[in-house]
């Protein structure tokens, strides 16, 4: 016959196992999924920002080299146009995020 100490020890081990499994299910697994989701999102954001930067630099180079309109006193205008394009892109992105959220 088992004594009372063995029953208490068994119940304690069962409780510890139950708490451990619950913590793993409700805390660790969602956190690992969140970290994976955030890391992929941040990586995508980084690639998107680098692509936008290269597109803006390409647009600036196109405006400066290919158009003779900006050669003389209007040489500052390509910078303003590229900056305005980026501001419009930011505004459209914010509007889309607010509409989606």
N, C-alpha and C. Protein backbone atom coordinates (compact mmCIF):
# COMPACT_ATOMS: atom_id res chain seq x y z
N UNK A 1 0.83 -1.18 0.00
CA UNK A 1 0.00 0.00 0.00
C UNK A 1 0.88 1.25 0.00
N UNK A 2 0.47 2.20 -0.79
CA UNK A 2 1.29 3.41 -0.90
C UNK A 2 1.00 4.31 0.28
N UNK A 3 2.06 4.94 0.70
CA UNK A 3 1.84 5.82 1.84
C UNK A 3 1.47 7.23 1.35
N UNK A 4 1.14 8.05 2.29
CA UNK A 4 0.65 9.40 1.97
C UNK A 4 1.73 10.25 1.30
N UNK A 5 2.97 10.05 1.65
CA UNK A 5 4.08 10.82 1.06
C UNK A 5 4.21 10.53 -0.44
N UNK A 6 4.04 9.30 -0.86
CA UNK A 6 4.11 8.95 -2.28
C UNK A 6 2.96 9.58 -3.06
N UNK A 7 1.78 9.60 -2.47
CA UNK A 7 0.62 10.20 -3.14
C UNK A 7 0.83 11.69 -3.31
N UNK A 8 1.33 12.36 -2.28
CA UNK A 8 1.59 13.80 -2.36
C UNK A 8 2.67 14.08 -3.40
N UNK A 9 3.71 13.28 -3.41
CA UNK A 9 4.79 13.46 -4.39
C UNK A 9 4.28 13.26 -5.81
N UNK A 10 3.44 12.26 -6.00
CA UNK A 10 2.88 12.01 -7.32
C UNK A 10 1.98 13.16 -7.77
N UNK A 11 1.14 13.66 -6.86
CA UNK A 11 0.26 14.78 -7.19
C UNK A 11 1.08 16.05 -7.48
N UNK A 12 2.15 16.26 -6.73
CA UNK A 12 3.01 17.41 -6.96
C UNK A 12 3.68 17.32 -8.34
N UNK A 13 4.18 16.16 -8.70
CA UNK A 13 4.80 15.98 -10.02
C UNK A 13 3.79 16.17 -11.14
N UNK A 14 2.56 15.70 -10.91
CA UNK A 14 1.51 15.88 -11.91
C UNK A 14 1.16 17.36 -12.07
N UNK A 15 1.09 18.09 -10.96
CA UNK A 15 0.81 19.52 -11.00
C UNK A 15 1.93 20.28 -11.72
N UNK A 16 3.17 19.92 -11.41
CA UNK A 16 4.31 20.56 -12.06
C UNK A 16 4.30 20.30 -13.57
N UNK A 17 3.99 19.09 -13.96
CA UNK A 17 3.91 18.75 -15.38
C UNK A 17 2.77 19.50 -16.06
N UNK A 18 1.64 19.61 -15.38
CA UNK A 18 0.50 20.34 -15.93
C UNK A 18 0.83 21.81 -16.13
N UNK A 19 1.47 22.43 -15.15
CA UNK A 19 1.84 23.85 -15.26
C UNK A 19 2.88 24.05 -16.35
N UNK A 20 3.83 23.14 -16.43
CA UNK A 20 4.86 23.24 -17.46
C UNK A 20 4.27 23.12 -18.86
N UNK A 21 3.39 22.16 -19.05
CA UNK A 21 2.76 22.00 -20.37
C UNK A 21 1.87 23.18 -20.71
N UNK A 22 1.16 23.72 -19.72
CA UNK A 22 0.31 24.88 -19.96
C UNK A 22 1.15 26.09 -20.35
N UNK A 23 2.25 26.31 -19.64
CA UNK A 23 3.13 27.44 -19.96
C UNK A 23 3.71 27.29 -21.36
N UNK A 24 4.08 26.09 -21.72
CA UNK A 24 4.63 25.86 -23.05
C UNK A 24 3.57 26.14 -24.12
N UNK A 25 2.36 25.69 -23.88
CA UNK A 25 1.27 25.84 -24.85
C UNK A 25 0.81 27.28 -24.96
N UNK A 26 0.69 27.98 -23.87
CA UNK A 26 0.08 29.31 -23.87
C UNK A 26 1.08 30.46 -23.90
N UNK A 27 2.34 30.21 -23.62
CA UNK A 27 3.31 31.30 -23.58
C UNK A 27 4.41 31.10 -24.62
N UNK A 28 5.11 29.98 -24.54
CA UNK A 28 6.28 29.80 -25.39
C UNK A 28 5.92 29.67 -26.86
N UNK A 29 4.96 28.83 -27.19
CA UNK A 29 4.61 28.61 -28.59
C UNK A 29 4.10 29.87 -29.28
N UNK A 30 3.18 30.65 -28.66
CA UNK A 30 2.77 31.90 -29.32
C UNK A 30 3.90 32.91 -29.44
N UNK A 31 4.80 32.95 -28.45
CA UNK A 31 5.92 33.88 -28.53
C UNK A 31 6.88 33.51 -29.65
N UNK A 32 7.13 32.24 -29.84
CA UNK A 32 8.01 31.85 -30.95
C UNK A 32 7.36 32.16 -32.29
N UNK A 33 6.05 31.98 -32.38
CA UNK A 33 5.36 32.33 -33.63
C UNK A 33 5.40 33.84 -33.86
N UNK A 34 5.25 34.62 -32.79
CA UNK A 34 5.31 36.07 -32.89
C UNK A 34 6.70 36.53 -33.32
N UNK A 35 7.74 35.95 -32.76
CA UNK A 35 9.11 36.32 -33.13
C UNK A 35 9.36 35.99 -34.60
N UNK A 36 8.90 34.85 -35.05
CA UNK A 36 9.07 34.47 -36.46
C UNK A 36 8.33 35.45 -37.36
N UNK A 37 7.09 35.79 -37.01
CA UNK A 37 6.28 36.72 -37.80
C UNK A 37 6.93 38.10 -37.84
N UNK A 38 7.41 38.59 -36.68
CA UNK A 38 8.05 39.90 -36.64
C UNK A 38 9.36 39.92 -37.40
N UNK A 39 10.15 38.86 -37.30
CA UNK A 39 11.43 38.85 -38.01
C UNK A 39 11.21 38.85 -39.52
N UNK A 40 10.23 38.10 -40.01
CA UNK A 40 9.95 38.11 -41.44
C UNK A 40 9.41 39.47 -41.88
N UNK A 41 8.59 40.09 -41.03
CA UNK A 41 8.06 41.42 -41.34
C UNK A 41 9.15 42.47 -41.39
N UNK A 42 10.07 42.42 -40.43
CA UNK A 42 11.17 43.39 -40.42
C UNK A 42 12.11 43.17 -41.60
N UNK A 43 12.35 41.93 -41.96
CA UNK A 43 13.18 41.65 -43.13
C UNK A 43 12.52 42.15 -44.40
N UNK A 44 11.22 41.94 -44.53
CA UNK A 44 10.48 42.46 -45.68
C UNK A 44 10.50 43.97 -45.73
N UNK A 45 10.37 44.62 -44.56
CA UNK A 45 10.41 46.08 -44.50
C UNK A 45 11.78 46.59 -44.93
N UNK A 46 12.84 45.91 -44.50
CA UNK A 46 14.19 46.31 -44.89
C UNK A 46 14.37 46.22 -46.40
N UNK A 47 13.95 45.11 -47.00
CA UNK A 47 14.07 44.96 -48.45
C UNK A 47 13.24 46.00 -49.19
N UNK A 48 12.05 46.29 -48.68
CA UNK A 48 11.20 47.29 -49.30
C UNK A 48 11.83 48.68 -49.23
N UNK A 49 12.40 49.02 -48.08
CA UNK A 49 13.04 50.33 -47.94
C UNK A 49 14.27 50.47 -48.85
N UNK A 50 15.04 49.42 -48.96
CA UNK A 50 16.21 49.47 -49.86
C UNK A 50 15.74 49.62 -51.30
N UNK A 51 14.69 48.91 -51.68
CA UNK A 51 14.15 49.04 -53.03
C UNK A 51 13.62 50.44 -53.31
N UNK A 52 12.92 51.03 -52.34
CA UNK A 52 12.41 52.39 -52.52
C UNK A 52 13.57 53.38 -52.61
N UNK A 53 14.60 53.17 -51.81
CA UNK A 53 15.78 54.05 -51.87
C UNK A 53 16.43 53.99 -53.25
N UNK A 54 16.62 52.80 -53.78
CA UNK A 54 17.23 52.67 -55.11
C UNK A 54 16.32 53.25 -56.20
N UNK A 55 15.02 53.09 -56.06
CA UNK A 55 14.09 53.67 -57.03
C UNK A 55 14.14 55.19 -56.99
N UNK A 56 14.23 55.76 -55.79
CA UNK A 56 14.31 57.22 -55.66
C UNK A 56 15.62 57.74 -56.24
N UNK A 57 16.71 57.04 -55.97
CA UNK A 57 17.99 57.46 -56.56
C UNK A 57 17.98 57.31 -58.07
N UNK A 58 17.35 56.27 -58.58
CA UNK A 58 17.23 56.10 -60.02
C UNK A 58 16.40 57.20 -60.65
N UNK A 59 15.31 57.57 -60.00
CA UNK A 59 14.49 58.68 -60.50
C UNK A 59 15.27 59.99 -60.49
N UNK A 60 16.02 60.22 -59.43
CA UNK A 60 16.84 61.44 -59.36
C UNK A 60 17.88 61.46 -60.47
N UNK A 61 18.54 60.35 -60.69
CA UNK A 61 19.55 60.29 -61.76
C UNK A 61 18.90 60.47 -63.13
N UNK A 62 17.73 59.88 -63.33
CA UNK A 62 17.01 60.05 -64.59
C UNK A 62 16.68 61.51 -64.83
N UNK A 63 16.17 62.17 -63.81
CA UNK A 63 15.80 63.58 -63.96
C UNK A 63 17.03 64.46 -64.19
N UNK A 64 18.14 64.15 -63.55
CA UNK A 64 19.34 64.98 -63.68
C UNK A 64 20.07 64.74 -65.00
N UNK A 65 20.16 63.52 -65.45
CA UNK A 65 21.00 63.21 -66.61
C UNK A 65 20.26 63.23 -67.94
N UNK A 66 19.02 62.80 -67.95
CA UNK A 66 18.33 62.61 -69.22
C UNK A 66 17.52 63.83 -69.66
N UNK A 67 17.13 64.67 -68.74
CA UNK A 67 16.34 65.84 -69.11
C UNK A 67 17.22 67.09 -69.07
N UNK A 68 17.23 67.82 -70.17
CA UNK A 68 18.05 69.03 -70.23
C UNK A 68 17.34 70.23 -69.61
N UNK A 69 16.10 70.04 -69.23
CA UNK A 69 15.33 71.12 -68.61
C UNK A 69 15.93 71.55 -67.28
N UNK A 70 16.58 70.62 -66.58
CA UNK A 70 17.09 70.90 -65.25
C UNK A 70 18.58 71.22 -65.23
N UNK A 71 19.16 71.62 -66.35
CA UNK A 71 20.60 71.84 -66.41
C UNK A 71 21.04 73.19 -65.84
N UNK A 72 20.27 74.21 -66.00
CA UNK A 72 20.74 75.54 -65.61
C UNK A 72 20.28 75.91 -64.20
N UNK A 73 19.49 76.92 -64.11
CA UNK A 73 19.10 77.43 -62.80
C UNK A 73 18.07 76.55 -62.09
N UNK A 74 17.52 75.59 -62.79
CA UNK A 74 16.53 74.69 -62.19
C UNK A 74 17.14 73.37 -61.72
N UNK A 75 18.43 73.37 -61.44
CA UNK A 75 19.10 72.12 -61.07
C UNK A 75 18.64 71.58 -59.71
N UNK A 76 18.00 72.40 -58.90
CA UNK A 76 17.50 71.95 -57.61
C UNK A 76 16.15 71.23 -57.73
N UNK A 77 15.48 71.40 -58.84
CA UNK A 77 14.13 70.88 -59.00
C UNK A 77 14.03 69.35 -58.97
N UNK A 78 14.99 68.59 -59.52
CA UNK A 78 14.88 67.12 -59.40
C UNK A 78 14.85 66.64 -57.95
N UNK A 79 15.61 67.29 -57.07
CA UNK A 79 15.60 66.91 -55.66
C UNK A 79 14.22 67.13 -55.05
N UNK A 80 13.60 68.26 -55.38
CA UNK A 80 12.27 68.56 -54.86
C UNK A 80 11.24 67.58 -55.42
N UNK A 81 11.37 67.24 -56.70
CA UNK A 81 10.42 66.29 -57.30
C UNK A 81 10.53 64.90 -56.68
N UNK A 82 11.75 64.45 -56.45
CA UNK A 82 11.95 63.13 -55.84
C UNK A 82 11.45 63.15 -54.39
N UNK A 83 11.72 64.23 -53.68
CA UNK A 83 11.25 64.35 -52.30
C UNK A 83 9.72 64.35 -52.25
N UNK A 84 9.10 65.08 -53.17
CA UNK A 84 7.63 65.12 -53.23
C UNK A 84 7.07 63.75 -53.58
N UNK A 85 7.73 63.03 -54.47
CA UNK A 85 7.29 61.68 -54.81
C UNK A 85 7.35 60.76 -53.59
N UNK A 86 8.43 60.87 -52.82
CA UNK A 86 8.54 60.06 -51.61
C UNK A 86 7.47 60.44 -50.58
N UNK A 87 7.18 61.73 -50.45
CA UNK A 87 6.13 62.16 -49.53
C UNK A 87 4.76 61.62 -49.95
N UNK A 88 4.50 61.64 -51.24
CA UNK A 88 3.23 61.10 -51.75
C UNK A 88 3.16 59.59 -51.48
N UNK A 89 4.26 58.90 -51.68
CA UNK A 89 4.30 57.46 -51.40
C UNK A 89 4.05 57.18 -49.92
N UNK A 90 4.63 57.99 -49.05
CA UNK A 90 4.40 57.83 -47.61
C UNK A 90 2.94 58.08 -47.27
N UNK A 91 2.37 59.14 -47.84
CA UNK A 91 0.96 59.48 -47.56
C UNK A 91 0.02 58.37 -48.03
N UNK A 92 0.27 57.83 -49.20
CA UNK A 92 -0.56 56.73 -49.71
C UNK A 92 -0.42 55.49 -48.83
N UNK A 93 0.79 55.22 -48.37
CA UNK A 93 1.01 54.06 -47.50
C UNK A 93 0.28 54.22 -46.17
N UNK A 94 0.36 55.41 -45.58
CA UNK A 94 -0.32 55.65 -44.31
C UNK A 94 -1.83 55.55 -44.48
N UNK A 95 -2.35 56.08 -45.58
CA UNK A 95 -3.78 56.00 -45.84
C UNK A 95 -4.22 54.54 -46.00
N UNK A 96 -3.43 53.76 -46.70
CA UNK A 96 -3.77 52.34 -46.88
C UNK A 96 -3.70 51.58 -45.55
N UNK A 97 -2.73 51.91 -44.71
CA UNK A 97 -2.63 51.25 -43.41
C UNK A 97 -3.81 51.60 -42.52
N UNK A 98 -4.21 52.86 -42.52
CA UNK A 98 -5.35 53.26 -41.69
C UNK A 98 -6.65 52.65 -42.19
N UNK A 99 -6.80 52.53 -43.49
CA UNK A 99 -8.00 51.92 -44.06
C UNK A 99 -8.04 50.43 -43.75
N UNK A 100 -6.88 49.79 -43.78
CA UNK A 100 -6.80 48.35 -43.55
C UNK A 100 -6.97 48.01 -42.07
N UNK A 101 -6.47 48.86 -41.20
CA UNK A 101 -6.53 48.58 -39.75
C UNK A 101 -7.84 48.97 -39.17
